[in-house]
């Protein structure tokens, strides 16, 4: 499977920028919106995504919003409900990702039916400073321990991208290093170019 870039948007404007830039997976995450407001934005973003063949929308945390907006998938943390039940009940309707920070959790999530594993924070995270810092060695162990794709997240920068790819991650989730860039489209292009070169070498 080709490696893919994964980003996080908080509104439709950010999502559109990511779509236009060629990002494959875009997670919609906005903790400040009410559920009703989030549903409105989610529906708009999902509709917009249909104009871009290679882009898909993942909803953060909220499986109801993912279902009602007809999103591609949902990403769940360890505390986001009864994950085995959600995977069994909705795994045919949605791609379900589950956050983990060790091999045991990764294997467990895969056994529940998760379609991909979110592993991190790899290098520490500005977005979630309280998240454990798992490092490249644990990321590599997680990638080896499961058959489903692993999404690496947390403190990833262009200078570290090749090491993350070498560890076996198939989805590269980048937030701060893109959102804090003075030219986000250019920064995304740099990531996509490095990922493309890696894919060509496989």
Protein backbone atom coordinates (compact mmCIF):
# COMPACT_ATOMS: atom_id res chain seq x y z
CA UNK A 1 0.00 0.00 0.00
CA UNK A 2 1.25 3.45 -0.91
CA UNK A 3 2.04 5.76 1.98
CA UNK A 4 -0.38 8.69 2.32
CA UNK A 5 -0.44 12.11 3.97
CA UNK A 6 -3.06 12.66 6.69
CA UNK A 7 -3.93 16.12 8.04
CA UNK A 8 -6.39 17.65 10.49
CA UNK A 9 -8.79 20.50 9.64
CA UNK A 10 -10.98 22.49 12.01
CA UNK A 11 -13.21 24.15 9.39
CA UNK A 12 -14.25 24.01 5.75
CA UNK A 13 -11.64 26.55 4.63
CA UNK A 14 -8.78 24.45 5.98
CA UNK A 15 -10.30 21.31 4.53
CA UNK A 16 -10.56 22.90 1.09
CA UNK A 17 -6.92 24.02 1.23
CA UNK A 18 -5.89 20.45 2.04
CA UNK A 19 -8.07 18.99 -0.73
CA UNK A 20 -6.67 21.44 -3.27
CA UNK A 21 -3.15 20.58 -2.16
CA UNK A 22 -3.68 16.86 -2.78
CA UNK A 23 -3.93 15.53 0.78
CA UNK A 24 -5.41 12.03 0.83
CA UNK A 25 -6.92 11.85 4.31
CA UNK A 26 -8.34 14.84 6.18
CA UNK A 27 -9.66 14.52 9.71
CA UNK A 28 -12.27 17.03 10.83
CA UNK A 29 -11.60 18.00 14.45
CA UNK A 30 -13.13 21.00 16.23
CA UNK A 31 -13.74 20.72 19.98
CA UNK A 32 -15.24 24.22 20.20
CA UNK A 33 -18.34 23.49 18.10
CA UNK A 34 -21.59 22.08 19.45
CA UNK A 35 -22.67 18.72 18.04
CA UNK A 36 -25.25 20.43 15.83
CA UNK A 37 -22.69 22.95 14.54
CA UNK A 38 -20.16 20.19 13.92
CA UNK A 39 -22.71 18.19 11.93
CA UNK A 40 -23.37 21.18 9.67
CA UNK A 41 -19.64 21.65 9.03
CA UNK A 42 -19.11 17.91 8.56
CA UNK A 43 -21.82 17.69 5.90
CA UNK A 44 -20.31 20.67 4.07
CA UNK A 45 -16.81 19.23 4.19
CA UNK A 46 -17.92 15.76 3.06
CA UNK A 47 -19.86 17.28 0.15
CA UNK A 48 -16.82 19.35 -0.80
CA UNK A 49 -14.56 16.28 -0.65
CA UNK A 50 -16.57 14.65 -3.44
CA UNK A 51 -15.03 17.15 -5.87
CA UNK A 52 -11.57 15.73 -5.16
CA UNK A 53 -11.16 12.08 -6.15
CA UNK A 54 -8.19 11.31 -3.91
CA UNK A 55 -9.43 12.93 -0.67
CA UNK A 56 -11.46 11.36 2.12
CA UNK A 57 -12.92 12.77 5.35
CA UNK A 58 -12.42 11.21 8.78
CA UNK A 59 -14.46 12.59 11.70
CA UNK A 60 -12.67 12.86 15.04
CA UNK A 61 -14.21 11.04 18.03
CA UNK A 62 -17.90 11.25 17.01
CA UNK A 63 -19.33 8.21 15.27
CA UNK A 64 -22.84 9.74 15.08
CA UNK A 65 -21.51 12.75 13.16
CA UNK A 66 -19.53 10.45 10.87
CA UNK A 67 -22.65 8.41 10.07
CA UNK A 68 -25.00 11.37 9.63
CA UNK A 69 -22.55 13.29 7.44
CA UNK A 70 -21.74 10.16 5.38
CA UNK A 71 -18.04 10.64 6.03
CA UNK A 72 -15.45 8.12 4.91
CA UNK A 73 -14.57 7.22 8.48
CA UNK A 74 -14.18 8.05 12.15
CA UNK A 75 -11.14 8.16 14.42
CA UNK A 76 -11.61 6.99 18.02
CA UNK A 77 -9.49 7.42 21.11
CA UNK A 78 -9.22 4.74 23.78
CA UNK A 79 -11.96 6.47 25.80
CA UNK A 80 -14.39 7.14 22.94
CA UNK A 81 -17.04 4.59 23.83
CA UNK A 82 -17.25 0.81 23.48
CA UNK A 83 -14.75 0.43 20.65
CA UNK A 84 -15.24 -3.35 20.09
CA UNK A 85 -19.01 -2.78 19.77
CA UNK A 86 -18.56 0.25 17.49
CA UNK A 87 -16.16 -1.62 15.20
CA UNK A 88 -18.49 -4.60 14.99
CA UNK A 89 -21.63 -2.49 14.47
CA UNK A 90 -20.34 0.16 12.09
CA UNK A 91 -17.18 -1.26 10.54
CA UNK A 92 -18.97 -1.97 7.26
CA UNK A 93 -20.28 1.60 6.99
CA UNK A 94 -17.20 3.50 8.14
CA UNK A 95 -13.45 3.16 8.12
CA UNK A 96 -12.59 3.15 11.83
CA UNK A 97 -9.23 4.26 13.20
CA UNK A 98 -8.21 3.75 16.83
CA UNK A 99 -5.51 5.61 18.77
CA UNK A 100 -2.88 3.54 20.59
CA UNK A 101 0.48 4.13 22.26
CA UNK A 102 1.81 0.59 22.58
CA UNK A 103 1.90 -2.79 20.84
CA UNK A 104 -0.68 -4.42 23.12
CA UNK A 105 -3.27 -1.72 22.39
CA UNK A 106 -2.51 -1.93 18.66
CA UNK A 107 -3.07 -5.69 18.54
CA UNK A 108 -6.22 -5.32 20.60
CA UNK A 109 -7.63 -2.60 18.31
CA UNK A 110 -6.90 -4.75 15.26
CA UNK A 111 -8.67 -7.72 16.87
CA UNK A 112 -11.71 -5.52 17.47
CA UNK A 113 -11.89 -4.70 13.77
CA UNK A 114 -10.13 -1.33 13.49
CA UNK A 115 -9.27 -0.54 9.89
CA UNK A 116 -6.17 1.44 10.85
CA UNK A 117 -4.15 2.26 13.96
CA UNK A 118 -3.22 5.78 15.06
CA UNK A 119 0.15 5.48 16.83
CA UNK A 120 1.62 8.33 18.83
CA UNK A 121 2.60 10.75 19.89
CA UNK A 122 5.79 9.68 18.12
CA UNK A 123 7.97 12.70 18.94
CA UNK A 124 5.72 14.55 21.37
CA UNK A 125 2.83 16.74 20.26
CA UNK A 126 2.16 20.48 20.35
CA UNK A 127 -1.50 19.74 19.62
CA UNK A 128 -1.78 17.27 22.52
CA UNK A 129 1.14 17.98 24.90
CA UNK A 130 -0.23 15.50 27.46
CA UNK A 131 0.06 12.58 25.00
CA UNK A 132 2.77 9.96 25.73
CA UNK A 133 5.93 10.18 23.64
CA UNK A 134 6.38 6.71 22.16
CA UNK A 135 9.44 7.21 19.92
CA UNK A 136 10.47 5.56 16.66
CA UNK A 137 11.32 2.17 18.19
CA UNK A 138 7.80 1.68 19.55
CA UNK A 139 6.29 2.98 16.31
CA UNK A 140 8.30 0.35 14.41
CA UNK A 141 7.18 -2.37 16.82
CA UNK A 142 3.55 -1.34 16.42
CA UNK A 143 3.85 -1.36 12.61
CA UNK A 144 5.31 -4.88 12.73
CA UNK A 145 2.68 -6.16 15.15
CA UNK A 146 -0.43 -5.51 13.03
CA UNK A 147 -1.59 -6.14 9.46
CA UNK A 148 -3.73 -3.00 9.17
CA UNK A 149 -2.17 0.37 8.22
CA UNK A 150 -0.56 2.44 10.96
CA UNK A 151 -0.93 6.21 11.08
CA UNK A 152 2.01 7.93 12.79
CA UNK A 153 1.15 11.17 14.59
CA UNK A 154 2.82 13.61 16.95
CA UNK A 155 5.65 16.05 16.35
CA UNK A 156 6.37 14.88 12.80
CA UNK A 157 8.48 17.31 10.76
CA UNK A 158 9.91 17.14 7.26
CA UNK A 159 13.37 16.45 8.65
CA UNK A 160 11.98 13.38 10.46
CA UNK A 161 9.68 12.12 7.72
CA UNK A 162 12.02 9.52 6.24
CA UNK A 163 12.63 7.97 9.67
CA UNK A 164 8.86 7.66 10.20
CA UNK A 165 8.47 6.05 6.78
CA UNK A 166 11.36 3.67 7.50
CA UNK A 167 9.60 2.63 10.72
CA UNK A 168 6.74 1.33 8.58
CA UNK A 169 3.99 3.93 9.00
CA UNK A 170 1.61 4.02 6.05
CA UNK A 171 -0.32 7.15 7.00
CA UNK A 172 1.70 10.21 8.01
CA UNK A 173 -0.41 12.53 10.14
CA UNK A 174 1.03 16.05 10.25
CA UNK A 175 -0.66 18.92 12.07
CA UNK A 176 1.60 21.63 13.55
CA UNK A 177 4.36 21.41 10.93
CA UNK A 178 1.77 22.22 8.26
CA UNK A 179 -0.62 24.52 10.12
CA UNK A 180 2.20 26.66 11.53
CA UNK A 181 3.95 27.00 8.18
CA UNK A 182 3.93 30.40 6.46
CA UNK A 183 3.04 28.62 3.20
CA UNK A 184 0.92 25.58 3.94
CA UNK A 185 0.46 24.57 0.31
CA UNK A 186 4.21 24.57 -0.27
CA UNK A 187 4.80 22.62 2.94
CA UNK A 188 2.22 20.03 1.91
CA UNK A 189 3.88 19.76 -1.50
CA UNK A 190 7.21 18.99 0.19
CA UNK A 191 5.62 16.22 2.25
CA UNK A 192 3.82 14.76 -0.76
CA UNK A 193 7.00 14.82 -2.83
CA UNK A 194 8.97 12.94 -0.16
CA UNK A 195 6.16 10.42 0.31
CA UNK A 196 5.88 9.93 -3.48
CA UNK A 197 9.63 9.27 -3.76
CA UNK A 198 9.36 6.75 -0.94
CA UNK A 199 6.43 5.01 -2.65
CA UNK A 200 8.37 4.81 -5.91
CA UNK A 201 11.24 3.10 -4.12
CA UNK A 202 9.06 0.37 -2.62
